[in-house]
C-alpha atoms as a PDB file:
ATOM      1  CA  UNK A   1       0.000   0.000   0.000  1.00  0.00           C
ATOM      2  CA  UNK A   2       1.057   3.565  -0.681  1.00  0.00           C
ATOM      3  CA  UNK A   3       1.943   5.710   2.271  1.00  0.00           C
ATOM      4  CA  UNK A   4       0.287   9.036   2.830  1.00  0.00           C
ATOM      5  CA  UNK A   5       2.504  12.078   2.712  1.00  0.00           C
ATOM      6  CA  UNK A   6       1.994  15.533   4.123  1.00  0.00           C
ATOM      7  CA  UNK A   7       0.526  14.445   7.443  1.00  0.00           C
ATOM      8  CA  UNK A   8       3.045  11.804   8.424  1.00  0.00           C
ATOM      9  CA  UNK A   9       3.163   8.100   7.669  1.00  0.00           C
ATOM     10  CA  UNK A  10       1.686   7.285  11.095  1.00  0.00           C
ATOM     11  CA  UNK A  11      -1.468   9.308  10.471  1.00  0.00           C
ATOM     12  CA  UNK A  12      -4.349   6.843  10.337  1.00  0.00           C
ATOM     13  CA  UNK A  13      -8.087   7.349  10.301  1.00  0.00           C
ATOM     14  CA  UNK A  14      -8.411   6.989  14.067  1.00  0.00           C
ATOM     15  CA  UNK A  15      -5.906   9.759  14.781  1.00  0.00           C
ATOM     16  CA  UNK A  16      -7.399  13.128  15.654  1.00  0.00           C
ATOM     17  CA  UNK A  17      -6.733  15.430  12.678  1.00  0.00           C
ATOM     18  CA  UNK A  18      -4.662  18.552  13.076  1.00  0.00           C
ATOM     19  CA  UNK A  19      -5.892  22.018  12.146  1.00  0.00           C
ATOM     20  CA  UNK A  20      -3.867  22.099   8.931  1.00  0.00           C
ATOM     21  CA  UNK A  21      -5.742  19.061   7.651  1.00  0.00           C
ATOM     22  CA  UNK A  22      -9.007  21.015   7.325  1.00  0.00           C
ATOM     23  CA  UNK A  23     -10.387  20.787   3.797  1.00  0.00           C
ATOM     24  CA  UNK A  24     -11.146  23.895   1.806  1.00  0.00           C
ATOM     25  CA  UNK A  25     -13.397  24.148  -1.197  1.00  0.00           C
ATOM     26  CA  UNK A  26     -13.434  26.041  -4.474  1.00  0.00           C
ATOM     27  CA  UNK A  27     -15.012  29.508  -4.493  1.00  0.00           C
ATOM     28  CA  UNK A  28     -18.762  29.291  -4.918  1.00  0.00           C
ATOM     29  CA  UNK A  29     -19.084  25.947  -3.173  1.00  0.00           C
ATOM     30  CA  UNK A  30     -20.982  25.931   0.064  1.00  0.00           C
ATOM     31  CA  UNK A  31     -22.393  26.096   2.430  1.00  0.00           C
ATOM     32  CA  UNK A  32     -23.859  22.867   1.089  1.00  0.00           C
ATOM     33  CA  UNK A  33     -25.484  19.669   2.322  1.00  0.00           C
ATOM     34  CA  UNK A  34     -25.308  15.970   1.506  1.00  0.00           C
ATOM     35  CA  UNK A  35     -27.938  13.375   2.416  1.00  0.00           C
ATOM     36  CA  UNK A  36     -26.415   9.964   3.118  1.00  0.00           C
ATOM     37  CA  UNK A  37     -28.532   6.831   3.495  1.00  0.00           C
ATOM     38  CA  UNK A  38     -27.096   3.783   5.254  1.00  0.00           C
ATOM     39  CA  UNK A  39     -28.777   1.416   2.828  1.00  0.00           C
ATOM     40  CA  UNK A  40     -28.879  -1.936   4.535  1.00  0.00           C
ATOM     41  CA  UNK A  41     -30.875  -4.988   5.556  1.00  0.00           C
ATOM     42  CA  UNK A  42     -33.503  -4.777   8.227  1.00  0.00           C
ATOM     43  CA  UNK A  43     -32.720  -6.588  11.471  1.00  0.00           C
ATOM     44  CA  UNK A  44     -33.623  -6.446  15.142  1.00  0.00           C
ATOM     45  CA  UNK A  45     -31.354  -3.840  16.697  1.00  0.00           C
ATOM     46  CA  UNK A  46     -32.060  -5.223  20.162  1.00  0.00           C
ATOM     47  CA  UNK A  47     -30.802  -8.740  19.423  1.00  0.00           C
ATOM     48  CA  UNK A  48     -27.296 -10.119  18.802  1.00  0.00           C
ATOM     49  CA  UNK A  49     -25.867  -9.890  15.293  1.00  0.00           C
ATOM     50  CA  UNK A  50     -26.499 -12.878  13.019  1.00  0.00           C
ATOM     51  CA  UNK A  51     -25.523 -13.923   9.505  1.00  0.00           C
ATOM     52  CA  UNK A  52     -29.060 -14.672   8.346  1.00  0.00           C
ATOM     53  CA  UNK A  53     -31.785 -13.166  10.541  1.00  0.00           C
ATOM     54  CA  UNK A  54     -32.542 -10.129   8.434  1.00  0.00           C
ATOM     55  CA  UNK A  55     -34.848  -9.066   5.611  1.00  0.00           C
ATOM     56  CA  UNK A  56     -35.166  -6.573   2.755  1.00  0.00           C
ATOM     57  CA  UNK A  57     -38.897  -5.929   2.985  1.00  0.00           C
ATOM     58  CA  UNK A  58     -38.372  -2.168   3.118  1.00  0.00           C
ATOM     59  CA  UNK A  59     -36.495  -1.947  -0.194  1.00  0.00           C
ATOM     60  CA  UNK A  60     -39.611  -1.159  -2.218  1.00  0.00           C
ATOM     61  CA  UNK A  61     -40.116   1.933  -0.036  1.00  0.00           C
ATOM     62  CA  UNK A  62     -36.997   3.470  -1.594  1.00  0.00           C
ATOM     63  CA  UNK A  63     -39.080   4.281  -4.688  1.00  0.00           C
ATOM     64  CA  UNK A  64     -41.221   6.775  -2.771  1.00  0.00           C
ATOM     65  CA  UNK A  65     -38.216   8.143  -0.904  1.00  0.00           C
ATOM     66  CA  UNK A  66     -36.257   8.710  -4.118  1.00  0.00           C
ATOM     67  CA  UNK A  67     -39.205  10.514  -5.702  1.00  0.00           C
ATOM     68  CA  UNK A  68     -39.540  12.625  -2.552  1.00  0.00           C
ATOM     69  CA  UNK A  69     -35.852  13.570  -2.720  1.00  0.00           C
ATOM     70  CA  UNK A  70     -36.108  14.535  -6.377  1.00  0.00           C
ATOM     71  CA  UNK A  71     -39.018  16.787  -5.481  1.00  0.00           C
ATOM     72  CA  UNK A  72     -36.734  18.548  -2.994  1.00  0.00           C
ATOM     73  CA  UNK A  73     -33.881  18.764  -5.481  1.00  0.00           C
ATOM     74  CA  UNK A  74     -31.811  16.397  -3.331  1.00  0.00           C
ATOM     75  CA  UNK A  75     -29.565  13.664  -4.746  1.00  0.00           C
ATOM     76  CA  UNK A  76     -29.183  11.068  -1.979  1.00  0.00           C
ATOM     77  CA  UNK A  77     -26.081   8.973  -1.505  1.00  0.00           C
ATOM     78  CA  UNK A  78     -27.034   5.325  -1.020  1.00  0.00           C
ATOM     79  CA  UNK A  79     -24.276   3.668   1.002  1.00  0.00           C
ATOM     80  CA  UNK A  80     -25.134   0.068   0.191  1.00  0.00           C
ATOM     81  CA  UNK A  81     -24.032  -3.106   1.919  1.00  0.00           C
ATOM     82  CA  UNK A  82     -23.836  -6.734   0.811  1.00  0.00           C
ATOM     83  CA  UNK A  83     -27.485  -7.834   1.205  1.00  0.00           C
ATOM     84  CA  UNK A  84     -28.611  -4.711  -0.660  1.00  0.00           C
ATOM     85  CA  UNK A  85     -26.294  -5.151  -3.614  1.00  0.00           C
ATOM     86  CA  UNK A  86     -27.375  -8.792  -3.869  1.00  0.00           C
ATOM     87  CA  UNK A  87     -31.032  -7.722  -4.197  1.00  0.00           C
ATOM     88  CA  UNK A  88     -32.306  -7.462  -7.761  1.00  0.00           C
ATOM     89  CA  UNK A  89     -35.042  -5.109  -6.588  1.00  0.00           C
ATOM     90  CA  UNK A  90     -32.553  -2.796  -4.860  1.00  0.00           C
ATOM     91  CA  UNK A  91     -30.242  -2.810  -7.861  1.00  0.00           C
ATOM     92  CA  UNK A  92     -33.132  -1.861 -10.132  1.00  0.00           C
ATOM     93  CA  UNK A  93     -34.534   0.910  -7.935  1.00  0.00           C
ATOM     94  CA  UNK A  94     -31.228   2.492  -6.970  1.00  0.00           C
ATOM     95  CA  UNK A  95     -29.638   1.814 -10.343  1.00  0.00           C
ATOM     96  CA  UNK A  96     -32.414   3.694 -12.115  1.00  0.00           C
ATOM     97  CA  UNK A  97     -31.842   6.764  -9.935  1.00  0.00           C
ATOM     98  CA  UNK A  98     -28.082   6.563 -10.408  1.00  0.00           C
ATOM     99  CA  UNK A  99     -28.385   6.203 -14.185  1.00  0.00           C
ATOM    100  CA  UNK A 100     -30.535   9.340 -14.293  1.00  0.00           C
ATOM    101  CA  UNK A 101     -28.019  11.305 -12.234  1.00  0.00           C
ATOM    102  CA  UNK A 102     -30.546  11.594  -9.402  1.00  0.00           C
ATOM    103  CA  UNK A 103     -28.562   9.611  -6.815  1.00  0.00           C
ATOM    104  CA  UNK A 104     -25.110   8.280  -6.033  1.00  0.00           C
ATOM    105  CA  UNK A 105     -23.880   5.004  -4.588  1.00  0.00           C
ATOM    106  CA  UNK A 106     -21.146   4.265  -2.076  1.00  0.00           C
ATOM    107  CA  UNK A 107     -19.946   1.394   0.092  1.00  0.00           C
ATOM    108  CA  UNK A 108     -21.152   0.430   3.562  1.00  0.00           C
ATOM    109  CA  UNK A 109     -19.602  -2.657   5.132  1.00  0.00           C
ATOM    110  CA  UNK A 110     -21.576  -4.766   7.618  1.00  0.00           C
ATOM    111  CA  UNK A 111     -19.017  -7.506   8.211  1.00  0.00           C
ATOM    112  CA  UNK A 112     -21.397  -9.978   9.823  1.00  0.00           C
ATOM    113  CA  UNK A 113     -23.445 -10.340   6.592  1.00  0.00           C
ATOM    114  CA  UNK A 114     -20.601  -9.783   4.114  1.00  0.00           C
ATOM    115  CA  UNK A 115     -18.478 -12.703   2.840  1.00  0.00           C
ATOM    116  CA  UNK A 116     -15.977 -14.163   3.354  1.00  0.00           C
ATOM    117  CA  UNK A 117     -17.376 -15.477   6.643  1.00  0.00           C
ATOM    118  CA  UNK A 118     -14.166 -16.278   8.473  1.00  0.00           C
ATOM    119  CA  UNK A 119     -14.795 -14.507  11.789  1.00  0.00           C
ATOM    120  CA  UNK A 120     -16.967 -15.180  14.798  1.00  0.00           C
ATOM    121  CA  UNK A 121     -20.148 -13.123  14.812  1.00  0.00           C
ATOM    122  CA  UNK A 122     -20.074 -10.862  17.870  1.00  0.00           C
ATOM    123  CA  UNK A 123     -20.169  -7.208  18.835  1.00  0.00           C
ATOM    124  CA  UNK A 124     -16.399  -6.711  18.613  1.00  0.00           C
ATOM    125  CA  UNK A 125     -16.288  -8.090  15.079  1.00  0.00           C
ATOM    126  CA  UNK A 126     -19.297  -6.032  13.974  1.00  0.00           C
ATOM    127  CA  UNK A 127     -16.842  -3.131  13.611  1.00  0.00           C
ATOM    128  CA  UNK A 128     -14.968  -3.929  10.385  1.00  0.00           C
ATOM    129  CA  UNK A 129     -11.878  -2.095  11.594  1.00  0.00           C
ATOM    130  CA  UNK A 130     -11.513  -4.611  14.435  1.00  0.00           C
ATOM    131  CA  UNK A 131     -11.059  -7.506  12.009  1.00  0.00           C
ATOM    132  CA  UNK A 132      -7.654  -8.794  10.919  1.00  0.00           C
ATOM    133  CA  UNK A 133      -6.530  -6.513   8.068  1.00  0.00           C
ATOM    134  CA  UNK A 134      -6.601  -9.268   5.452  1.00  0.00           C
ATOM    135  CA  UNK A 135     -10.184 -10.145   6.341  1.00  0.00           C
ATOM    136  CA  UNK A 136     -11.321  -6.507   6.417  1.00  0.00           C
ATOM    137  CA  UNK A 137      -9.735  -6.068   2.987  1.00  0.00           C
ATOM    138  CA  UNK A 138     -11.310  -9.230   1.589  1.00  0.00           C
ATOM    139  CA  UNK A 139     -14.796  -8.280   2.739  1.00  0.00           C
ATOM    140  CA  UNK A 140     -14.471  -4.694   1.568  1.00  0.00           C
ATOM    141  CA  UNK A 141     -13.025  -5.628  -1.834  1.00  0.00           C
ATOM    142  CA  UNK A 142     -15.757  -8.169  -2.514  1.00  0.00           C
ATOM    143  CA  UNK A 143     -18.426  -5.592  -1.694  1.00  0.00           C
ATOM    144  CA  UNK A 144     -16.784  -2.755  -3.581  1.00  0.00           C
ATOM    145  CA  UNK A 145     -16.403  -4.868  -6.725  1.00  0.00           C
ATOM    146  CA  UNK A 146     -20.020  -6.049  -6.510  1.00  0.00           C
ATOM    147  CA  UNK A 147     -21.189  -2.426  -6.265  1.00  0.00           C
ATOM    148  CA  UNK A 148     -19.168  -1.389  -9.310  1.00  0.00           C
ATOM    149  CA  UNK A 149     -20.551  -4.319 -11.289  1.00  0.00           C
ATOM    150  CA  UNK A 150     -24.138  -3.627 -10.197  1.00  0.00           C
ATOM    151  CA  UNK A 151     -24.178   0.124 -10.772  1.00  0.00           C
ATOM    152  CA  UNK A 152     -21.637   0.583 -13.542  1.00  0.00           C
ATOM    153  CA  UNK A 153     -19.129   2.873 -11.842  1.00  0.00           C
ATOM    154  CA  UNK A 154     -16.505   2.530  -9.112  1.00  0.00           C
ATOM    155  CA  UNK A 155     -17.783   3.909  -5.786  1.00  0.00           C
ATOM    156  CA  UNK A 156     -16.025   7.030  -4.522  1.00  0.00           C
ATOM    157  CA  UNK A 157     -17.219   7.013  -0.909  1.00  0.00           C
ATOM    158  CA  UNK A 158     -17.162   4.605   2.040  1.00  0.00           C
ATOM    159  CA  UNK A 159     -18.906   4.416   5.377  1.00  0.00           C
ATOM    160  CA  UNK A 160     -17.895   1.670   7.756  1.00  0.00           C
ATOM    161  CA  UNK A 161     -20.984   0.040   9.223  1.00  0.00           C
ATOM    162  CA  UNK A 162     -21.407   1.089  12.847  1.00  0.00           C
ATOM    163  CA  UNK A 163     -18.794   3.781  12.009  1.00  0.00           C
ATOM    164  CA  UNK A 164     -16.167   1.105  12.576  1.00  0.00           C
ATOM    165  CA  UNK A 165     -12.918   2.405  11.122  1.00  0.00           C
ATOM    166  CA  UNK A 166      -9.707   0.603  12.030  1.00  0.00           C
ATOM    167  CA  UNK A 167      -5.943   1.033  11.766  1.00  0.00           C
ATOM    168  CA  UNK A 168      -5.802  -0.724   8.386  1.00  0.00           C
ATOM    169  CA  UNK A 169      -8.820   0.948   6.748  1.00  0.00           C
ATOM    170  CA  UNK A 170      -6.862   3.799   5.201  1.00  0.00           C
ATOM    171  CA  UNK A 171      -4.577   1.443   3.311  1.00  0.00           C
ATOM    172  CA  UNK A 172      -7.419  -0.580   1.835  1.00  0.00           C
ATOM    173  CA  UNK A 173      -9.244   2.574   0.697  1.00  0.00           C
ATOM    174  CA  UNK A 174      -6.058   3.740  -1.018  1.00  0.00           C
ATOM    175  CA  UNK A 175      -5.584   0.342  -2.645  1.00  0.00           C
ATOM    176  CA  UNK A 176      -9.124   0.214  -4.002  1.00  0.00           C
ATOM    177  CA  UNK A 177      -9.347   3.785  -5.252  1.00  0.00           C
ATOM    178  CA  UNK A 178     -11.938   5.077  -2.781  1.00  0.00           C
ATOM    179  CA  UNK A 179     -11.186   8.773  -2.252  1.00  0.00           C
ATOM    180  CA  UNK A 180     -13.808   9.840   0.331  1.00  0.00           C
ATOM    181  CA  UNK A 181     -14.700   8.403   3.716  1.00  0.00           C
ATOM    182  CA  UNK A 182     -17.737   9.317   5.813  1.00  0.00           C
ATOM    183  CA  UNK A 183     -17.346   6.975   8.771  1.00  0.00           C
ATOM    184  CA  UNK A 184     -16.485   9.531  11.444  1.00  0.00           C
ATOM    185  CA  UNK A 185     -19.510  10.355  13.563  1.00  0.00           C
ATOM    186  CA  UNK A 186     -18.210  13.492  15.201  1.00  0.00           C
ATOM    187  CA  UNK A 187     -18.757  13.855  18.973  1.00  0.00           C
ATOM    188  CA  UNK A 188     -19.751  10.191  19.495  1.00  0.00           C
ATOM    189  CA  UNK A 189     -17.895   7.490  21.424  1.00  0.00           C
ATOM    190  CA  UNK A 190     -18.405   3.828  20.519  1.00  0.00           C
ATOM    191  CA  UNK A 191     -15.517   2.503  22.592  1.00  0.00           C
ATOM    192  CA  UNK A 192     -17.763   1.053  25.344  1.00  0.00           C
ATOM    193  CA  UNK A 193     -18.934  -1.432  22.699  1.00  0.00           C
ATOM    194  CA  UNK A 194     -15.445  -2.071  21.238  1.00  0.00           C
ATOM    195  CA  UNK A 195     -15.790   0.600  18.565  1.00  0.00           C
ATOM    196  CA  UNK A 196     -13.939   3.855  17.818  1.00  0.00           C
ATOM    197  CA  UNK A 197     -14.057   7.019  19.882  1.00  0.00           C
ATOM    198  CA  UNK A 198     -14.888  10.140  17.832  1.00  0.00           C
ATOM    199  CA  UNK A 199     -15.764  12.421  20.776  1.00  0.00           C
ATOM    200  CA  UNK A 200     -13.043  14.924  19.949  1.00  0.00           C
ATOM    201  CA  UNK A 201     -13.279  14.726  16.151  1.00  0.00           C
ATOM    202  CA  UNK A 202     -14.401  17.785  14.172  1.00  0.00           C
ATOM    203  CA  UNK A 203     -17.497  18.264  12.006  1.00  0.00           C
ATOM    204  CA  UNK A 204     -15.486  20.074   9.379  1.00  0.00           C
ATOM    205  CA  UNK A 205     -14.288  17.984   6.397  1.00  0.00           C
ATOM    206  CA  UNK A 206     -10.574  17.237   6.484  1.00  0.00           C
ATOM    207  CA  UNK A 207      -7.873  15.488   4.530  1.00  0.00           C
ATOM    208  CA  UNK A 208      -6.800  12.168   5.992  1.00  0.00           C
ATOM    209  CA  UNK A 209      -4.016  12.221   3.432  1.00  0.00           C
ATOM    210  CA  UNK A 210      -3.189  14.338   0.382  1.00  0.00           C
ATOM    211  CA  UNK A 211      -1.053  11.904  -1.570  1.00  0.00           C
ATOM    212  CA  UNK A 212      -2.761   9.653  -2.318  1.00  0.00           C
ATOM    213  CA  UNK A 213      -5.826  11.774  -1.594  1.00  0.00           C
ATOM    214  CA  UNK A 214      -8.373  10.676   0.991  1.00  0.00           C
ATOM    215  CA  UNK A 215     -11.017  13.138   2.213  1.00  0.00           C
ATOM    216  CA  UNK A 216     -13.110  12.697   5.368  1.00  0.00           C
ATOM    217  CA  UNK A 217     -16.696  13.991   5.465  1.00  0.00           C
ATOM    218  CA  UNK A 218     -17.793  13.568   9.097  1.00  0.00           C
ATOM    219  CA  UNK A 219     -21.467  13.198   9.926  1.00  0.00           C
ATOM    220  CA  UNK A 220     -22.688  16.502  11.286  1.00  0.00           C
ATOM    221  CA  UNK A 221     -23.324  16.771  15.029  1.00  0.00           C
ATOM    222  CA  UNK A 222     -23.183  19.931  17.123  1.00  0.00           C
ATOM    223  CA  UNK A 223     -23.363  21.026  20.743  1.00  0.00           C
ATOM    224  CA  UNK A 224     -26.061  23.545  21.709  1.00  0.00           C
ATOM    225  CA  UNK A 225     -26.792  25.316  24.972  1.00  0.00           C
ATOM    226  CA  UNK A 226     -25.265  27.725  27.457  1.00  0.00           C
ATOM    227  CA  UNK A 227     -22.233  25.466  27.896  1.00  0.00           C
ATOM    228  CA  UNK A 228     -21.840  24.512  24.221  1.00  0.00           C
ATOM    229  CA  UNK A 229     -18.346  25.887  23.922  1.00  0.00           C
ATOM    230  CA  UNK A 230     -17.304  23.510  26.668  1.00  0.00           C
ATOM    231  CA  UNK A 231     -19.168  20.599  25.107  1.00  0.00           C
ATOM    232  CA  UNK A 232     -16.129  18.572  24.127  1.00  0.00           C
ATOM    233  CA  UNK A 233     -14.945  18.490  27.728  1.00  0.00           C
ATOM    234  CA  UNK A 234     -18.302  18.326  29.502  1.00  0.00           C
ATOM    235  CA  UNK A 235     -20.581  16.120  27.432  1.00  0.00           C
ATOM    236  CA  UNK A 236     -18.523  12.905  27.700  1.00  0.00           C
ATOM    237  CA  UNK A 237     -18.582  13.262  31.481  1.00  0.00           C
ATOM    238  CA  UNK A 238     -22.315  13.965  31.566  1.00  0.00           C
ATOM    239  CA  UNK A 239     -23.020  11.010  29.293  1.00  0.00           C
ATOM    240  CA  UNK A 240     -21.392   8.694  31.829  1.00  0.00           C
ATOM    241  CA  UNK A 241     -23.684   9.880  34.632  1.00  0.00           C
ATOM    242  CA  UNK A 242     -27.189   8.457  35.075  1.00  0.00           C
ATOM    243  CA  UNK A 243     -29.545  10.918  33.334  1.00  0.00           C
ATOM    244  CA  UNK A 244     -26.683  13.430  33.088  1.00  0.00           C
ATOM    245  CA  UNK A 245     -26.935  14.191  29.374  1.00  0.00           C
ATOM    246  CA  UNK A 246     -30.739  14.266  29.419  1.00  0.00           C
ATOM    247  CA  UNK A 247     -30.880  16.654  32.349  1.00  0.00           C
ATOM    248  CA  UNK A 248     -28.344  18.973  30.758  1.00  0.00           C
ATOM    249  CA  UNK A 249     -30.381  19.026  27.539  1.00  0.00           C
ATOM    250  CA  UNK A 250     -33.719  19.671  29.264  1.00  0.00           C
ATOM    251  CA  UNK A 251     -32.285  22.572  31.264  1.00  0.00           C
ATOM    252  CA  UNK A 252     -30.755  24.180  28.178  1.00  0.00           C
ATOM    253  CA  UNK A 253     -27.209  23.849  29.462  1.00  0.00           C
ATOM    254  CA  UNK A 254     -25.817  21.418  26.922  1.00  0.00           C
ATOM    255  CA  UNK A 255     -27.278  19.226  24.192  1.00  0.00           C
ATOM    256  CA  UNK A 256     -25.686  17.078  21.507  1.00  0.00           C
ATOM    257  CA  UNK A 257     -27.713  17.263  18.292  1.00  0.00           C
ATOM    258  CA  UNK A 258     -27.115  15.025  15.276  1.00  0.00           C
ATOM    259  CA  UNK A 259     -28.469  15.935  11.842  1.00  0.00           C
ATOM    260  CA  UNK A 260     -30.650  12.868  11.408  1.00  0.00           C
ATOM    261  CA  UNK A 261     -34.419  12.327  11.461  1.00  0.00           C
ATOM    262  CA  UNK A 262     -33.772   9.319  13.680  1.00  0.00           C
ATOM    263  CA  UNK A 263     -34.206  10.560  17.215  1.00  0.00           C
ATOM    264  CA  UNK A 264     -33.662  14.276  16.567  1.00  0.00           C
ATOM    265  CA  UNK A 265     -36.785  16.489  16.696  1.00  0.00           C
ATOM    266  CA  UNK A 266     -37.223  18.894  13.797  1.00  0.00           C
ATOM    267  CA  UNK A 267     -36.900  21.974  16.025  1.00  0.00           C
ATOM    268  CA  UNK A 268     -33.602  20.695  17.403  1.00  0.00           C
ATOM    269  CA  UNK A 269     -32.334  19.896  13.906  1.00  0.00           C
ATOM    270  CA  UNK A 270     -33.075  23.436  12.782  1.00  0.00           C
ATOM    271  CA  UNK A 271     -31.131  24.738  15.772  1.00  0.00           C
ATOM    272  CA  UNK A 272     -28.268  22.421  14.839  1.00  0.00           C
ATOM    273  CA  UNK A 273     -28.247  23.747  11.277  1.00  0.00           C
ATOM    274  CA  UNK A 274     -28.035  27.311  12.554  1.00  0.00           C
ATOM    275  CA  UNK A 275     -25.231  26.389  14.938  1.00  0.00           C
ATOM    276  CA  UNK A 276     -23.256  24.628  12.220  1.00  0.00           C
ATOM    277  CA  UNK A 277     -23.615  27.577   9.863  1.00  0.00           C
ATOM    278  CA  UNK A 278     -22.651  30.043  12.593  1.00  0.00           C
ATOM    279  CA  UNK A 279     -19.523  27.963  13.129  1.00  0.00           C
ATOM    280  CA  UNK A 280     -18.706  28.311   9.423  1.00  0.00           C
ATOM    281  CA  UNK A 281     -19.205  24.662   8.530  1.00  0.00           C
ATOM    282  CA  UNK A 282     -18.947  24.444   4.716  1.00  0.00           C
ATOM    283  CA  UNK A 283     -20.698  21.077   4.366  1.00  0.00           C
ATOM    284  CA  UNK A 284     -23.500  19.526   6.423  1.00  0.00           C
ATOM    285  CA  UNK A 285     -23.742  15.729   6.240  1.00  0.00           C
ATOM    286  CA  UNK A 286     -27.185  14.336   7.075  1.00  0.00           C
ATOM    287  CA  UNK A 287     -27.876  10.639   7.545  1.00  0.00           C
ATOM    288  CA  UNK A 288     -30.392   7.944   8.389  1.00  0.00           C
ATOM    289  CA  UNK A 289     -30.867   4.174   7.896  1.00  0.00           C
ATOM    290  CA  UNK A 290     -32.931   2.871   4.972  1.00  0.00           C
ATOM    291  CA  UNK A 291     -34.920   0.342   7.090  1.00  0.00           C
ATOM    292  CA  UNK A 292     -36.538   3.363   8.763  1.00  0.00           C
ATOM    293  CA  UNK A 293     -38.516   3.787   5.529  1.00  0.00           C
ATOM    294  CA  UNK A 294     -40.856   1.040   6.745  1.00  0.00           C
ATOM    295  CA  UNK A 295     -42.460   1.021  10.205  1.00  0.00           C
ATOM    296  CA  UNK A 296     -41.182  -1.577  12.642  1.00  0.00           C
ATOM    297  CA  UNK A 297     -37.610  -1.933  11.402  1.00  0.00           C
ATOM    298  CA  UNK A 298     -35.781   0.522  13.648  1.00  0.00           C
ATOM    299  CA  UNK A 299     -36.367   2.054  17.083  1.00  0.00           C
ATOM    300  CA  UNK A 300     -37.018   5.385  15.369  1.00  0.00           C
ATOM    301  CA  UNK A 301     -39.903   4.406  13.098  1.00  0.00           C
ATOM    302  CA  UNK A 302     -42.353   2.106  14.858  1.00  0.00           C
ATOM    303  CA  UNK A 303     -45.597   3.396  13.332  1.00  0.00           C
ATOM    304  CA  UNK A 304     -46.928   5.067  10.199  1.00  0.00           C
ATOM    305  CA  UNK A 305     -47.043   8.301  12.185  1.00  0.00           C
ATOM    306  CA  UNK A 306     -43.323   7.959  12.860  1.00  0.00           C
ATOM    307  CA  UNK A 307     -42.710   7.484   9.147  1.00  0.00           C
ATOM    308  CA  UNK A 308     -44.799  10.534   8.309  1.00  0.00           C
ATOM    309  CA  UNK A 309     -42.721  12.460  10.829  1.00  0.00           C
ATOM    310  CA  UNK A 310     -39.501  11.318   9.139  1.00  0.00           C
ATOM    311  CA  UNK A 311     -40.616  12.744   5.817  1.00  0.00           C
ATOM    312  CA  UNK A 312     -41.862  15.897   7.549  1.00  0.00           C
ATOM    313  CA  UNK A 313     -38.457  16.238   9.200  1.00  0.00           C
ATOM    314  CA  UNK A 314     -36.694  16.051   5.848  1.00  0.00           C
ATOM    315  CA  UNK A 315     -39.128  18.511   4.302  1.00  0.00           C
ATOM    316  CA  UNK A 316     -38.698  20.941   7.192  1.00  0.00           C
ATOM    317  CA  UNK A 317     -34.914  20.698   7.348  1.00  0.00           C
ATOM    318  CA  UNK A 318     -34.504  21.221   3.612  1.00  0.00           C
ATOM    319  CA  UNK A 319     -36.868  24.179   3.671  1.00  0.00           C
ATOM    320  CA  UNK A 320     -34.756  25.718   6.430  1.00  0.00           C
ATOM    321  CA  UNK A 321     -31.527  24.934   4.585  1.00  0.00           C
ATOM    322  CA  UNK A 322     -32.897  26.631   1.468  1.00  0.00           C
ATOM    323  CA  UNK A 323     -33.897  29.687   3.486  1.00  0.00           C
ATOM    324  CA  UNK A 324     -30.341  29.845   4.814  1.00  0.00           C
ATOM    325  CA  UNK A 325     -28.817  29.561   1.340  1.00  0.00           C
ATOM    326  CA  UNK A 326     -27.538  26.013   1.830  1.00  0.00           C
ATOM    327  CA  UNK A 327     -27.790  24.075  -1.421  1.00  0.00           C
ATOM    328  CA  UNK A 328     -27.923  20.283  -1.734  1.00  0.00           C
ATOM    329  CA  UNK A 329     -24.819  18.898  -3.390  1.00  0.00           C
ATOM    330  CA  UNK A 330     -23.353  15.545  -4.385  1.00  0.00           C
ATOM    331  CA  UNK A 331     -20.294  13.512  -3.503  1.00  0.00           C
ATOM    332  CA  UNK A 332     -18.890  14.060  -6.985  1.00  0.00           C
ATOM    333  CA  UNK A 333     -19.291  17.839  -6.802  1.00  0.00           C
ATOM    334  CA  UNK A 334     -17.833  17.925  -3.300  1.00  0.00           C
ATOM    335  CA  UNK A 335     -14.790  16.008  -4.477  1.00  0.00           C
ATOM    336  CA  UNK A 336     -14.203  18.374  -7.393  1.00  0.00           C
ATOM    337  CA  UNK A 337     -14.600  21.432  -5.150  1.00  0.00           C
ATOM    338  CA  UNK A 338     -12.127  20.019  -2.623  1.00  0.00           C
ATOM    339  CA  UNK A 339      -9.602  19.265  -5.339  1.00  0.00           C
ATOM    340  CA  UNK A 340      -9.810  22.778  -6.778  1.00  0.00           C
ATOM    341  CA  UNK A 341      -9.792  24.849  -3.613  1.00  0.00           C
END
């Protein structure tokens, strides 16, 4: 594998980026937004991971969602995993949107359902970056190649399932020609479950390496409240106290808000947008999981009312973004703007 230059050969994707790694964009780009969809099988989030206890019954719902996005002028990025790319229905629905230039496709690796099946299925191994490097590479390469074959173009962007980057992920992305990662969920810590800790990572896009190029687009999360400027130091401590984070949010002292319709009220999301823009964030990365398009698949969408609320959330957020002059963009346009800053 090629070594990255400019930020030191030891710089990997789990190392906190330095200020000089911040990405800049060409004049006229931004502030902008990208809508990413973790496009995956439905499974019971409350049960242990399995190889085979999942379904794709929600896939047909993507038709309505895609039409909805086109009505908003939004080109979603479908980050597809192995069960999705093996589905003829998913390939047809998503492939049609991609062929019309109305959507993009990237890679999302859920190792427990992605061959080769050489590891034990458990929580630790559900983070692809925890696997032996050869196995992480084998799973990723098989998925990446299947996506290129299914949709006719090599994917540019990766999101590790469960945000599970590892020390060898950068090398495999370089080797396979993937130039953008969006696995960093800024301000979140998954280390209690054997995953990465992104508590101190920034929202702002940054270069993991410049040669060969690898750009990180973190999922957008902000701190709000009277103590927001101390959020990085205070929130992790509050989160470890019983009811600490909830109490701080209810009293207006400190709240962590992610730009997702899954668990974030519309009013809070609008506040998060305003905070991100006030902080000068050039790109807002929104996300949710495709199984939420059908009631009963995720904790966030249990009923038809919940699903209606999800679409209302998207409608409301994009109306607010438009009012603030934030235009929807694409992965391809973001890459070009970053290259020509």
